[in-house]
Amino acid sequence: MDGYFQDAVLNLVKQIPEGKVTTYGEIARELTGSVRAARAVGQAVATNPYPIVVPCHRVVRSDGDIGGYSSGVEKKIKLLSAEGVEIKGRKVVKFEETLFLFFFDLKK
């Protein structure tokens, strides 16, 4: 993976506010205009060298499932819960209300 792409992904991840989540597809759409690069976004997030500082735990799947995390799913759930994101099972409760859409987030 190209370092520029990963840097671009991680810079977007830094913009996700505490208490919000976004999806791999939304990051891909912001970077490329399409959700087709969502898997590449997932790879970039998975190799984040600065977890917590770059809050990759705030990136989830498009169906609200929390997905994976380099430090384990339980850690991701704890981090999101501490920020006020309600999780039931592996899903974000009130997903649409919690979803951050970068410059088009009308729910702020």
PDB file of N, CA and C in Angstrom:
ATOM      1  N   MET A   1       0.845  -1.181   0.000  1.00  0.00           N
ATOM      2  CA  MET A   1       0.000   0.000   0.000  1.00  0.00           C
ATOM      3  C   MET A   1       0.884   1.236   0.000  1.00  0.00           C
ATOM      4  N   ASP A   2       0.448   2.195  -0.719  1.00  0.00           N
ATOM      5  CA  ASP A   2       1.216   3.434  -0.862  1.00  0.00           C
ATOM      6  C   ASP A   2       1.079   4.296   0.397  1.00  0.00           C
ATOM      7  N   GLY A   3       2.183   4.836   0.847  1.00  0.00           N
ATOM      8  CA  GLY A   3       2.225   5.624   2.077  1.00  0.00           C
ATOM      9  C   GLY A   3       1.351   6.862   2.019  1.00  0.00           C
ATOM     10  N   TYR A   4       1.223   7.445   0.824  1.00  0.00           N
ATOM     11  CA  TYR A   4       0.371   8.622   0.674  1.00  0.00           C
ATOM     12  C   TYR A   4      -1.078   8.269   0.994  1.00  0.00           C
ATOM     13  N   PHE A   5      -1.550   7.126   0.474  1.00  0.00           N
ATOM     14  CA  PHE A   5      -2.931   6.705   0.713  1.00  0.00           C
ATOM     15  C   PHE A   5      -3.170   6.479   2.207  1.00  0.00           C
ATOM     16  N   GLN A   6      -2.265   5.769   2.863  1.00  0.00           N
ATOM     17  CA  GLN A   6      -2.436   5.525   4.294  1.00  0.00           C
ATOM     18  C   GLN A   6      -2.428   6.837   5.075  1.00  0.00           C
ATOM     19  N   ASP A   7      -1.531   7.739   4.737  1.00  0.00           N
ATOM     20  CA  ASP A   7      -1.499   9.046   5.416  1.00  0.00           C
ATOM     21  C   ASP A   7      -2.818   9.788   5.218  1.00  0.00           C
ATOM     22  N   ALA A   8      -3.359   9.740   4.011  1.00  0.00           N
ATOM     23  CA  ALA A   8      -4.631  10.419   3.722  1.00  0.00           C
ATOM     24  C   ALA A   8      -5.760   9.801   4.547  1.00  0.00           C
ATOM     25  N   VAL A   9      -5.777   8.470   4.622  1.00  0.00           N
ATOM     26  CA  VAL A   9      -6.792   7.773   5.426  1.00  0.00           C
ATOM     27  C   VAL A   9      -6.664   8.175   6.892  1.00  0.00           C
ATOM     28  N   LEU A  10      -5.463   8.099   7.434  1.00  0.00           N
ATOM     29  CA  LEU A  10      -5.274   8.400   8.859  1.00  0.00           C
ATOM     30  C   LEU A  10      -5.569   9.862   9.169  1.00  0.00           C
ATOM     31  N   ASN A  11      -5.301  10.762   8.249  1.00  0.00           N
ATOM     32  CA  ASN A  11      -5.655  12.174   8.463  1.00  0.00           C
ATOM     33  C   ASN A  11      -7.167  12.349   8.550  1.00  0.00           C
ATOM     34  N   LEU A  12      -7.918  11.592   7.757  1.00  0.00           N
ATOM     35  CA  LEU A  12      -9.375  11.653   7.861  1.00  0.00           C
ATOM     36  C   LEU A  12      -9.857  11.039   9.175  1.00  0.00           C
ATOM     37  N   VAL A  13      -9.255   9.942   9.570  1.00  0.00           N
ATOM     38  CA  VAL A  13      -9.640   9.288  10.824  1.00  0.00           C
ATOM     39  C   VAL A  13      -9.463  10.251  12.003  1.00  0.00           C
ATOM     40  N   LYS A  14      -8.424  11.067  11.964  1.00  0.00           N
ATOM     41  CA  LYS A  14      -8.193  12.049  13.043  1.00  0.00           C
ATOM     42  C   LYS A  14      -9.333  13.054  13.164  1.00  0.00           C
ATOM     43  N   GLN A  15     -10.115  13.236  12.095  1.00  0.00           N
ATOM     44  CA  GLN A  15     -11.204  14.213  12.094  1.00  0.00           C
ATOM     45  C   GLN A  15     -12.494  13.689  12.730  1.00  0.00           C
ATOM     46  N   ILE A  16     -12.568  12.385  12.973  1.00  0.00           N
ATOM     47  CA  ILE A  16     -13.793  11.806  13.536  1.00  0.00           C
ATOM     48  C   ILE A  16     -13.890  12.226  15.003  1.00  0.00           C
ATOM     49  N   PRO A  17     -14.935  12.958  15.367  1.00  0.00           N
ATOM     50  CA  PRO A  17     -15.038  13.434  16.748  1.00  0.00           C
ATOM     51  C   PRO A  17     -15.322  12.310  17.744  1.00  0.00           C
ATOM     52  N   GLU A  18     -14.916  12.533  18.962  1.00  0.00           N
ATOM     53  CA  GLU A  18     -15.228  11.609  20.051  1.00  0.00           C
ATOM     54  C   GLU A  18     -16.740  11.458  20.128  1.00  0.00           C
ATOM     55  N   GLY A  19     -17.194  10.225  20.327  1.00  0.00           N
ATOM     56  CA  GLY A  19     -18.629   9.962  20.420  1.00  0.00           C
ATOM     57  C   GLY A  19     -19.295   9.716  19.083  1.00  0.00           C
ATOM     58  N   LYS A  20     -18.524   9.741  18.011  1.00  0.00           N
ATOM     59  CA  LYS A  20     -19.034   9.485  16.657  1.00  0.00           C
ATOM     60  C   LYS A  20     -18.241   8.340  16.045  1.00  0.00           C
ATOM     61  N   VAL A  21     -18.801   7.736  15.007  1.00  0.00           N
ATOM     62  CA  VAL A  21     -18.105   6.719  14.218  1.00  0.00           C
ATOM     63  C   VAL A  21     -18.306   7.048  12.749  1.00  0.00           C
ATOM     64  N   THR A  22     -17.461   6.496  11.916  1.00  0.00           N
ATOM     65  CA  THR A  22     -17.683   6.542  10.475  1.00  0.00           C
ATOM     66  C   THR A  22     -17.365   5.171   9.921  1.00  0.00           C
ATOM     67  N   THR A  23     -17.592   4.993   8.634  1.00  0.00           N
ATOM     68  CA  THR A  23     -17.379   3.679   8.027  1.00  0.00           C
ATOM     69  C   THR A  23     -16.169   3.701   7.098  1.00  0.00           C
ATOM     70  N   TYR A  24     -15.680   2.503   6.823  1.00  0.00           N
ATOM     71  CA  TYR A  24     -14.590   2.357   5.869  1.00  0.00           C
ATOM     72  C   TYR A  24     -15.020   2.943   4.520  1.00  0.00           C
ATOM     73  N   GLY A  25     -16.273   2.695   4.148  1.00  0.00           N
ATOM     74  CA  GLY A  25     -16.798   3.204   2.883  1.00  0.00           C
ATOM     75  C   GLY A  25     -16.881   4.710   2.831  1.00  0.00           C
ATOM     76  N   GLU A  26     -17.259   5.344   3.946  1.00  0.00           N
ATOM     77  CA  GLU A  26     -17.330   6.815   3.974  1.00  0.00           C
ATOM     78  C   GLU A  26     -15.947   7.432   3.799  1.00  0.00           C
ATOM     79  N   ILE A  27     -14.952   6.827   4.412  1.00  0.00           N
ATOM     80  CA  ILE A  27     -13.584   7.323   4.231  1.00  0.00           C
ATOM     81  C   ILE A  27     -13.167   7.144   2.774  1.00  0.00           C
ATOM     82  N   ALA A  28     -13.475   5.977   2.203  1.00  0.00           N
ATOM     83  CA  ALA A  28     -13.150   5.730   0.797  1.00  0.00           C
ATOM     84  C   ALA A  28     -13.851   6.747  -0.100  1.00  0.00           C
ATOM     85  N   ARG A  29     -15.117   7.028   0.174  1.00  0.00           N
ATOM     86  CA  ARG A  29     -15.875   7.994  -0.635  1.00  0.00           C
ATOM     87  C   ARG A  29     -15.255   9.388  -0.536  1.00  0.00           C
ATOM     88  N   GLU A  30     -14.845   9.765   0.658  1.00  0.00           N
ATOM     89  CA  GLU A  30     -14.227  11.084   0.847  1.00  0.00           C
ATOM     90  C   GLU A  30     -12.924  11.203   0.059  1.00  0.00           C
ATOM     91  N   LEU A  31     -12.151  10.112   0.011  1.00  0.00           N
ATOM     92  CA  LEU A  31     -10.849  10.142  -0.678  1.00  0.00           C
ATOM     93  C   LEU A  31     -10.943   9.960  -2.183  1.00  0.00           C
ATOM     94  N   THR A  32     -11.865   9.085  -2.620  1.00  0.00           N
ATOM     95  CA  THR A  32     -11.865   8.689  -4.033  1.00  0.00           C
ATOM     96  C   THR A  32     -13.162   8.984  -4.769  1.00  0.00           C
ATOM     97  N   GLY A  33     -14.203   9.364  -4.026  1.00  0.00           N
ATOM     98  CA  GLY A  33     -15.495   9.591  -4.654  1.00  0.00           C
ATOM     99  C   GLY A  33     -16.334   8.327  -4.768  1.00  0.00           C
ATOM    100  N   SER A  34     -15.840   7.203  -4.271  1.00  0.00           N
ATOM    101  CA  SER A  34     -16.530   5.923  -4.366  1.00  0.00           C
ATOM    102  C   SER A  34     -16.228   5.088  -3.124  1.00  0.00           C
ATOM    103  N   VAL A  35     -17.156   4.190  -2.786  1.00  0.00           N
ATOM    104  CA  VAL A  35     -16.927   3.291  -1.658  1.00  0.00           C
ATOM    105  C   VAL A  35     -16.078   2.088  -2.063  1.00  0.00           C
ATOM    106  N   ARG A  36     -15.720   1.984  -3.317  1.00  0.00           N
ATOM    107  CA  ARG A  36     -15.006   0.809  -3.819  1.00  0.00           C
ATOM    108  C   ARG A  36     -13.636   0.605  -3.178  1.00  0.00           C
ATOM    109  N   ALA A  37     -13.065   1.634  -2.603  1.00  0.00           N
ATOM    110  CA  ALA A  37     -11.756   1.516  -1.956  1.00  0.00           C
ATOM    111  C   ALA A  37     -11.878   1.197  -0.462  1.00  0.00           C
ATOM    112  N   ALA A  38     -13.053   0.759  -0.025  1.00  0.00           N
ATOM    113  CA  ALA A  38     -13.276   0.508   1.403  1.00  0.00           C
ATOM    114  C   ALA A  38     -12.318  -0.540   1.958  1.00  0.00           C
ATOM    115  N   ARG A  39     -12.007  -1.561   1.198  1.00  0.00           N
ATOM    116  CA  ARG A  39     -11.071  -2.594   1.689  1.00  0.00           C
ATOM    117  C   ARG A  39      -9.667  -2.017   1.858  1.00  0.00           C
ATOM    118  N   ALA A  40      -9.254  -1.173   0.938  1.00  0.00           N
ATOM    119  CA  ALA A  40      -7.945  -0.530   1.057  1.00  0.00           C
ATOM    120  C   ALA A  40      -7.917   0.377   2.283  1.00  0.00           C
ATOM    121  N   VAL A  41      -9.028   1.047   2.546  1.00  0.00           N
ATOM    122  CA  VAL A  41      -9.132   1.861   3.763  1.00  0.00           C
ATOM    123  C   VAL A  41      -8.981   0.963   4.988  1.00  0.00           C
ATOM    124  N   GLY A  42      -9.623  -0.194   4.967  1.00  0.00           N
ATOM    125  CA  GLY A  42      -9.509  -1.138   6.069  1.00  0.00           C
ATOM    126  C   GLY A  42      -8.075  -1.565   6.317  1.00  0.00           C
ATOM    127  N   GLN A  43      -7.336  -1.796   5.246  1.00  0.00           N
ATOM    128  CA  GLN A  43      -5.924  -2.167   5.387  1.00  0.00           C
ATOM    129  C   GLN A  43      -5.115  -1.017   5.972  1.00  0.00           C
ATOM    130  N   ALA A  44      -5.399   0.194   5.518  1.00  0.00           N
ATOM    131  CA  ALA A  44      -4.672   1.362   6.032  1.00  0.00           C
ATOM    132  C   ALA A  44      -4.949   1.565   7.515  1.00  0.00           C
ATOM    133  N   VAL A  45      -6.199   1.390   7.913  1.00  0.00           N
ATOM    134  CA  VAL A  45      -6.574   1.552   9.317  1.00  0.00           C
ATOM    135  C   VAL A  45      -5.967   0.431  10.166  1.00  0.00           C
ATOM    136  N   ALA A  46      -5.964  -0.785   9.627  1.00  0.00           N
ATOM    137  CA  ALA A  46      -5.439  -1.944  10.368  1.00  0.00           C
ATOM    138  C   ALA A  46      -3.949  -1.818  10.670  1.00  0.00           C
ATOM    139  N   THR A  47      -3.241  -1.056   9.853  1.00  0.00           N
ATOM    140  CA  THR A  47      -1.799  -0.892  10.066  1.00  0.00           C
ATOM    141  C   THR A  47      -1.456   0.475  10.653  1.00  0.00           C
ATOM    142  N   ASN A  48      -2.433   1.103  11.282  1.00  0.00           N
ATOM    143  CA  ASN A  48      -2.249   2.397  11.945  1.00  0.00           C
ATOM    144  C   ASN A  48      -1.139   2.270  12.995  1.00  0.00           C
ATOM    145  N   PRO A  49      -0.040   3.012  12.835  1.00  0.00           N
ATOM    146  CA  PRO A  49       1.050   2.909  13.806  1.00  0.00           C
ATOM    147  C   PRO A  49       0.783   3.664  15.115  1.00  0.00           C
ATOM    148  N   TYR A  50      -0.296   4.448  15.172  1.00  0.00           N
ATOM    149  CA  TYR A  50      -0.581   5.268  16.356  1.00  0.00           C
ATOM    150  C   TYR A  50      -2.018   5.089  16.845  1.00  0.00           C
ATOM    151  N   PRO A  51      -2.421   3.854  17.223  1.00  0.00           N
ATOM    152  CA  PRO A  51      -3.791   3.690  17.718  1.00  0.00           C
ATOM    153  C   PRO A  51      -4.029   4.604  18.924  1.00  0.00           C
ATOM    154  N   ILE A  52      -5.223   5.011  19.110  1.00  0.00           N
ATOM    155  CA  ILE A  52      -5.689   5.965  20.109  1.00  0.00           C
ATOM    156  C   ILE A  52      -5.381   7.389  19.644  1.00  0.00           C
ATOM    157  N   VAL A  53      -4.112   7.708  19.356  1.00  0.00           N
ATOM    158  CA  VAL A  53      -3.771   9.048  18.853  1.00  0.00           C
ATOM    159  C   VAL A  53      -4.513   9.282  17.539  1.00  0.00           C
ATOM    160  N   VAL A  54      -4.459   8.309  16.656  1.00  0.00           N
ATOM    161  CA  VAL A  54      -5.269   8.300  15.440  1.00  0.00           C
ATOM    162  C   VAL A  54      -6.386   7.295  15.751  1.00  0.00           C
ATOM    163  N   PRO A  55      -7.585   7.782  16.074  1.00  0.00           N
ATOM    164  CA  PRO A  55      -8.621   6.942  16.671  1.00  0.00           C
ATOM    165  C   PRO A  55      -9.309   5.981  15.693  1.00  0.00           C
ATOM    166  N   CYS A  56      -8.560   4.995  15.243  1.00  0.00           N
ATOM    167  CA  CYS A  56      -9.107   4.041  14.280  1.00  0.00           C
ATOM    168  C   CYS A  56     -10.225   3.193  14.879  1.00  0.00           C
ATOM    169  N   HIS A  57     -10.362   3.202  16.218  1.00  0.00           N
ATOM    170  CA  HIS A  57     -11.474   2.477  16.837  1.00  0.00           C
ATOM    171  C   HIS A  57     -12.819   3.099  16.477  1.00  0.00           C
ATOM    172  N   ARG A  58     -12.817   4.304  15.911  1.00  0.00           N
ATOM    173  CA  ARG A  58     -14.053   4.988  15.516  1.00  0.00           C
ATOM    174  C   ARG A  58     -14.502   4.633  14.103  1.00  0.00           C
ATOM    175  N   VAL A  59     -13.795   3.716  13.453  1.00  0.00           N
ATOM    176  CA  VAL A  59     -14.167   3.286  12.101  1.00  0.00           C
ATOM    177  C   VAL A  59     -14.838   1.920  12.200  1.00  0.00           C
ATOM    178  N   VAL A  60     -16.055   1.833  11.643  1.00  0.00           N
ATOM    179  CA  VAL A  60     -16.863   0.616  11.738  1.00  0.00           C
ATOM    180  C   VAL A  60     -17.365   0.211  10.351  1.00  0.00           C
ATOM    181  N   ARG A  61     -18.038  -0.901  10.296  1.00  0.00           N
ATOM    182  CA  ARG A  61     -18.598  -1.387   9.029  1.00  0.00           C
ATOM    183  C   ARG A  61     -19.875  -0.632   8.678  1.00  0.00           C
ATOM    184  N   SER A  62     -20.240  -0.687   7.422  1.00  0.00           N
ATOM    185  CA  SER A  62     -21.394   0.069   6.935  1.00  0.00           C
ATOM    186  C   SER A  62     -22.728  -0.401   7.510  1.00  0.00           C
ATOM    187  N   ASP A  63     -22.774  -1.595   8.094  1.00  0.00           N
ATOM    188  CA  ASP A  63     -24.015  -2.080   8.707  1.00  0.00           C
ATOM    189  C   ASP A  63     -24.064  -1.791  10.207  1.00  0.00           C
ATOM    190  N   GLY A  64     -23.084  -1.042  10.715  1.00  0.00           N
ATOM    191  CA  GLY A  64     -23.045  -0.701  12.134  1.00  0.00           C
ATOM    192  C   GLY A  64     -22.287  -1.691  12.987  1.00  0.00           C
ATOM    193  N   ASP A  65     -21.847  -2.813  12.395  1.00  0.00           N
ATOM    194  CA  ASP A  65     -21.016  -3.768  13.126  1.00  0.00           C
ATOM    195  C   ASP A  65     -19.676  -3.093  13.408  1.00  0.00           C
ATOM    196  N   ILE A  66     -19.124  -3.335  14.589  1.00  0.00           N
ATOM    197  CA  ILE A  66     -17.901  -2.619  14.946  1.00  0.00           C
ATOM    198  C   ILE A  66     -16.675  -3.095  14.188  1.00  0.00           C
ATOM    199  N   GLY A  67     -16.730  -4.271  13.581  1.00  0.00           N
ATOM    200  CA  GLY A  67     -15.573  -4.753  12.822  1.00  0.00           C
ATOM    201  C   GLY A  67     -14.441  -5.167  13.740  1.00  0.00           C
ATOM    202  N   GLY A  68     -13.234  -5.165  13.218  1.00  0.00           N
ATOM    203  CA  GLY A  68     -12.078  -5.608  13.981  1.00  0.00           C
ATOM    204  C   GLY A  68     -11.301  -4.454  14.583  1.00  0.00           C
ATOM    205  N   TYR A  69     -10.253  -4.813  15.307  1.00  0.00           N
ATOM    206  CA  TYR A  69      -9.381  -3.813  15.926  1.00  0.00           C
ATOM    207  C   TYR A  69      -8.064  -4.491  16.256  1.00  0.00           C
ATOM    208  N   SER A  70      -6.969  -3.819  16.011  1.00  0.00           N
ATOM    209  CA  SER A  70      -5.652  -4.424  16.212  1.00  0.00           C
ATOM    210  C   SER A  70      -5.406  -4.854  17.659  1.00  0.00           C
ATOM    211  N   SER A  71      -6.028  -4.182  18.605  1.00  0.00           N
ATOM    212  CA  SER A  71      -5.873  -4.545  20.023  1.00  0.00           C
ATOM    213  C   SER A  71      -7.015  -5.423  20.525  1.00  0.00           C
ATOM    214  N   GLY A  72      -7.861  -5.891  19.621  1.00  0.00           N
ATOM    215  CA  GLY A  72      -8.964  -6.773  19.981  1.00  0.00           C
ATOM    216  C   GLY A  72     -10.303  -6.061  20.035  1.00  0.00           C
ATOM    217  N   VAL A  73     -11.338  -6.804  19.702  1.00  0.00           N
ATOM    218  CA  VAL A  73     -12.691  -6.259  19.644  1.00  0.00           C
ATOM    219  C   VAL A  73     -13.152  -5.748  21.008  1.00  0.00           C
ATOM    220  N   GLU A  74     -12.824  -6.458  22.075  1.00  0.00           N
ATOM    221  CA  GLU A  74     -13.243  -6.008  23.409  1.00  0.00           C
ATOM    222  C   GLU A  74     -12.664  -4.635  23.740  1.00  0.00           C
ATOM    223  N   LYS A  75     -11.421  -4.393  23.367  1.00  0.00           N
ATOM    224  CA  LYS A  75     -10.787  -3.088  23.583  1.00  0.00           C
ATOM    225  C   LYS A  75     -11.509  -2.006  22.778  1.00  0.00           C
ATOM    226  N   LYS A  76     -11.864  -2.328  21.529  1.00  0.00           N
ATOM    227  CA  LYS A  76     -12.586  -1.372  20.686  1.00  0.00           C
ATOM    228  C   LYS A  76     -13.930  -1.024  21.317  1.00  0.00           C
ATOM    229  N   ILE A  77     -14.641  -2.021  21.819  1.00  0.00           N
ATOM    230  CA  ILE A  77     -15.927  -1.782  22.473  1.00  0.00           C
ATOM    231  C   ILE A  77     -15.741  -0.891  23.703  1.00  0.00           C
ATOM    232  N   LYS A  78     -14.717  -1.154  24.508  1.00  0.00           N
ATOM    233  CA  LYS A  78     -14.459  -0.333  25.699  1.00  0.00           C
ATOM    234  C   LYS A  78     -14.145   1.112  25.325  1.00  0.00           C
ATOM    235  N   LEU A  79     -13.320   1.303  24.293  1.00  0.00           N
ATOM    236  CA  LEU A  79     -12.966   2.664  23.868  1.00  0.00           C
ATOM    237  C   LEU A  79     -14.193   3.419  23.366  1.00  0.00           C
ATOM    238  N   LEU A  80     -14.987   2.780  22.525  1.00  0.00           N
ATOM    239  CA  LEU A  80     -16.187   3.435  21.996  1.00  0.00           C
ATOM    240  C   LEU A  80     -17.186   3.729  23.114  1.00  0.00           C
ATOM    241  N   SER A  81     -17.373   2.777  24.007  1.00  0.00           N
ATOM    242  CA  SER A  81     -18.307   2.977  25.129  1.00  0.00           C
ATOM    243  C   SER A  81     -17.862   4.133  26.019  1.00  0.00           C
ATOM    244  N   ALA A  82     -16.561   4.234  26.278  1.00  0.00           N
ATOM    245  CA  ALA A  82     -16.025   5.327  27.103  1.00  0.00           C
ATOM    246  C   ALA A  82     -16.263   6.683  26.454  1.00  0.00           C
ATOM    247  N   GLU A  83     -16.406   6.705  25.125  1.00  0.00           N
ATOM    248  CA  GLU A  83     -16.671   7.956  24.411  1.00  0.00           C
ATOM    249  C   GLU A  83     -18.167   8.237  24.254  1.00  0.00           C
ATOM    250  N   GLY A  84     -18.996   7.350  24.807  1.00  0.00           N
ATOM    251  CA  GLY A  84     -20.438   7.567  24.743  1.00  0.00           C
ATOM    252  C   GLY A  84     -21.139   6.879  23.589  1.00  0.00           C
ATOM    253  N   VAL A  85     -20.431   6.045  22.841  1.00  0.00           N
ATOM    254  CA  VAL A  85     -21.054   5.296  21.751  1.00  0.00           C
ATOM    255  C   VAL A  85     -21.629   4.019  22.356  1.00  0.00           C
ATOM    256  N   GLU A  86     -22.935   3.851  22.222  1.00  0.00           N
ATOM    257  CA  GLU A  86     -23.588   2.671  22.791  1.00  0.00           C
ATOM    258  C   GLU A  86     -23.438   1.492  21.839  1.00  0.00           C
ATOM    259  N   ILE A  87     -22.987   0.367  22.380  1.00  0.00           N
ATOM    260  CA  ILE A  87     -22.775  -0.856  21.612  1.00  0.00           C
ATOM    261  C   ILE A  87     -23.650  -1.947  22.214  1.00  0.00           C
ATOM    262  N   LYS A  88     -24.358  -2.663  21.370  1.00  0.00           N
ATOM    263  CA  LYS A  88     -25.136  -3.823  21.820  1.00  0.00           C
ATOM    264  C   LYS A  88     -24.702  -4.995  20.961  1.00  0.00           C
ATOM    265  N   GLY A  89     -24.165  -6.019  21.615  1.00  0.00           N
ATOM    266  CA  GLY A  89     -23.557  -7.110  20.849  1.00  0.00           C
ATOM    267  C   GLY A  89     -22.318  -6.548  20.174  1.00  0.00           C
ATOM    268  N   ARG A  90     -22.291  -6.585  18.876  1.00  0.00           N
ATOM    269  CA  ARG A  90     -21.184  -5.992  18.117  1.00  0.00           C
ATOM    270  C   ARG A  90     -21.661  -4.820  17.265  1.00  0.00           C
ATOM    271  N   LYS A  91     -22.843  -4.295  17.549  1.00  0.00           N
ATOM    272  CA  LYS A  91     -23.428  -3.245  16.709  1.00  0.00           C
ATOM    273  C   LYS A  91     -23.522  -1.918  17.453  1.00  0.00           C
ATOM    274  N   VAL A  92     -23.340  -0.830  16.688  1.00  0.00           N
ATOM    275  CA  VAL A  92     -23.522   0.519  17.218  1.00  0.00           C
ATOM    276  C   VAL A  92     -25.021   0.780  17.296  1.00  0.00           C
ATOM    277  N   VAL A  93     -25.504   1.096  18.492  1.00  0.00           N
ATOM    278  CA  VAL A  93     -26.910   1.442  18.697  1.00  0.00           C
ATOM    279  C   VAL A  93     -27.111   2.863  18.149  1.00  0.00           C
ATOM    280  N   LYS A  94     -28.253   3.109  17.552  1.00  0.00           N
ATOM    281  CA  LYS A  94     -28.547   4.419  16.938  1.00  0.00           C
ATOM    282  C   LYS A  94     -27.440   4.783  15.938  1.00  0.00           C
ATOM    283  N   PHE A  95     -27.119   3.818  15.092  1.00  0.00           N
ATOM    284  CA  PHE A  95     -26.006   3.956  14.150  1.00  0.00           C
ATOM    285  C   PHE A  95     -26.094   5.232  13.315  1.00  0.00           C
ATOM    286  N   GLU A  96     -27.253   5.488  12.728  1.00  0.00           N
ATOM    287  CA  GLU A  96     -27.373   6.661  11.847  1.00  0.00           C
ATOM    288  C   GLU A  96     -27.170   7.970  12.593  1.00  0.00           C
ATOM    289  N   GLU A  97     -27.558   8.018  13.858  1.00  0.00           N
ATOM    290  CA  GLU A  97     -27.368   9.234  14.658  1.00  0.00           C
ATOM    291  C   GLU A  97     -25.910   9.412  15.078  1.00  0.00           C
ATOM    292  N   THR A  98     -25.196   8.320  15.162  1.00  0.00           N
ATOM    293  CA  THR A  98     -23.806   8.335  15.611  1.00  0.00           C
ATOM    294  C   THR A  98     -22.826   8.471  14.453  1.00  0.00           C
ATOM    295  N   LEU A  99     -23.320   8.278  13.238  1.00  0.00           N
ATOM    296  CA  LEU A  99     -22.469   8.274  12.045  1.00  0.00           C
ATOM    297  C   LEU A  99     -21.960   9.667  11.703  1.00  0.00           C
ATOM    298  N   PHE A 100     -20.664   9.776  11.520  1.00  0.00           N
ATOM    299  CA  PHE A 100     -20.012  11.031  11.123  1.00  0.00           C
ATOM    300  C   PHE A 100     -19.740  10.970   9.626  1.00  0.00           C
ATOM    301  N   LEU A 101     -20.185  11.993   8.893  1.00  0.00           N
ATOM    302  CA  LEU A 101     -20.049  12.018   7.439  1.00  0.00           C
ATOM    303  C   LEU A 101     -19.107  13.112   6.948  1.00  0.00           C
ATOM    304  N   PHE A 102     -18.086  13.419   7.709  1.00  0.00           N
ATOM    305  CA  PHE A 102     -17.098  14.440   7.369  1.00  0.00           C
ATOM    306  C   PHE A 102     -17.772  15.764   7.083  1.00  0.00           C
ATOM    307  N   PHE A 103     -17.549  16.359   5.942  1.00  0.00           N
ATOM    308  CA  PHE A 103     -18.021  17.715   5.673  1.00  0.00           C
ATOM    309  C   PHE A 103     -19.523  17.787   5.463  1.00  0.00           C
ATOM    310  N   PHE A 104     -20.163  16.655   5.357  1.00  0.00           N
ATOM    311  CA  PHE A 104     -21.598  16.633   5.114  1.00  0.00           C
ATOM    312  C   PHE A 104     -22.377  16.198   6.347  1.00  0.00           C
ATOM    313  N   ASP A 105     -21.765  16.284   7.529  1.00  0.00           N
ATOM    314  CA  ASP A 105     -22.414  15.855   8.760  1.00  0.00           C
ATOM    315  C   ASP A 105     -23.391  16.935   9.216  1.00  0.00           C
ATOM    316  N   LEU A 106     -24.666  16.733   8.929  1.00  0.00           N
ATOM    317  CA  LEU A 106     -25.699  17.701   9.292  1.00  0.00           C
ATOM    318  C   LEU A 106     -26.224  17.482  10.709  1.00  0.00           C
ATOM    319  N   LYS A 107     -25.757  16.410  11.363  1.00  0.00           N
ATOM    320  CA  LYS A 107     -26.262  16.061  12.695  1.00  0.00           C
ATOM    321  C   LYS A 107     -25.437  16.644  13.820  1.00  0.00           C
ATOM    322  N   LYS A 108     -24.482  17.510  13.549  1.00  0.00           N
ATOM    323  CA  LYS A 108     -23.606  18.076  14.582  1.00  0.00           C
ATOM    324  C   LYS A 108     -24.392  18.943  15.528  1.00  0.00           C
TER     325      LYS A 108
END
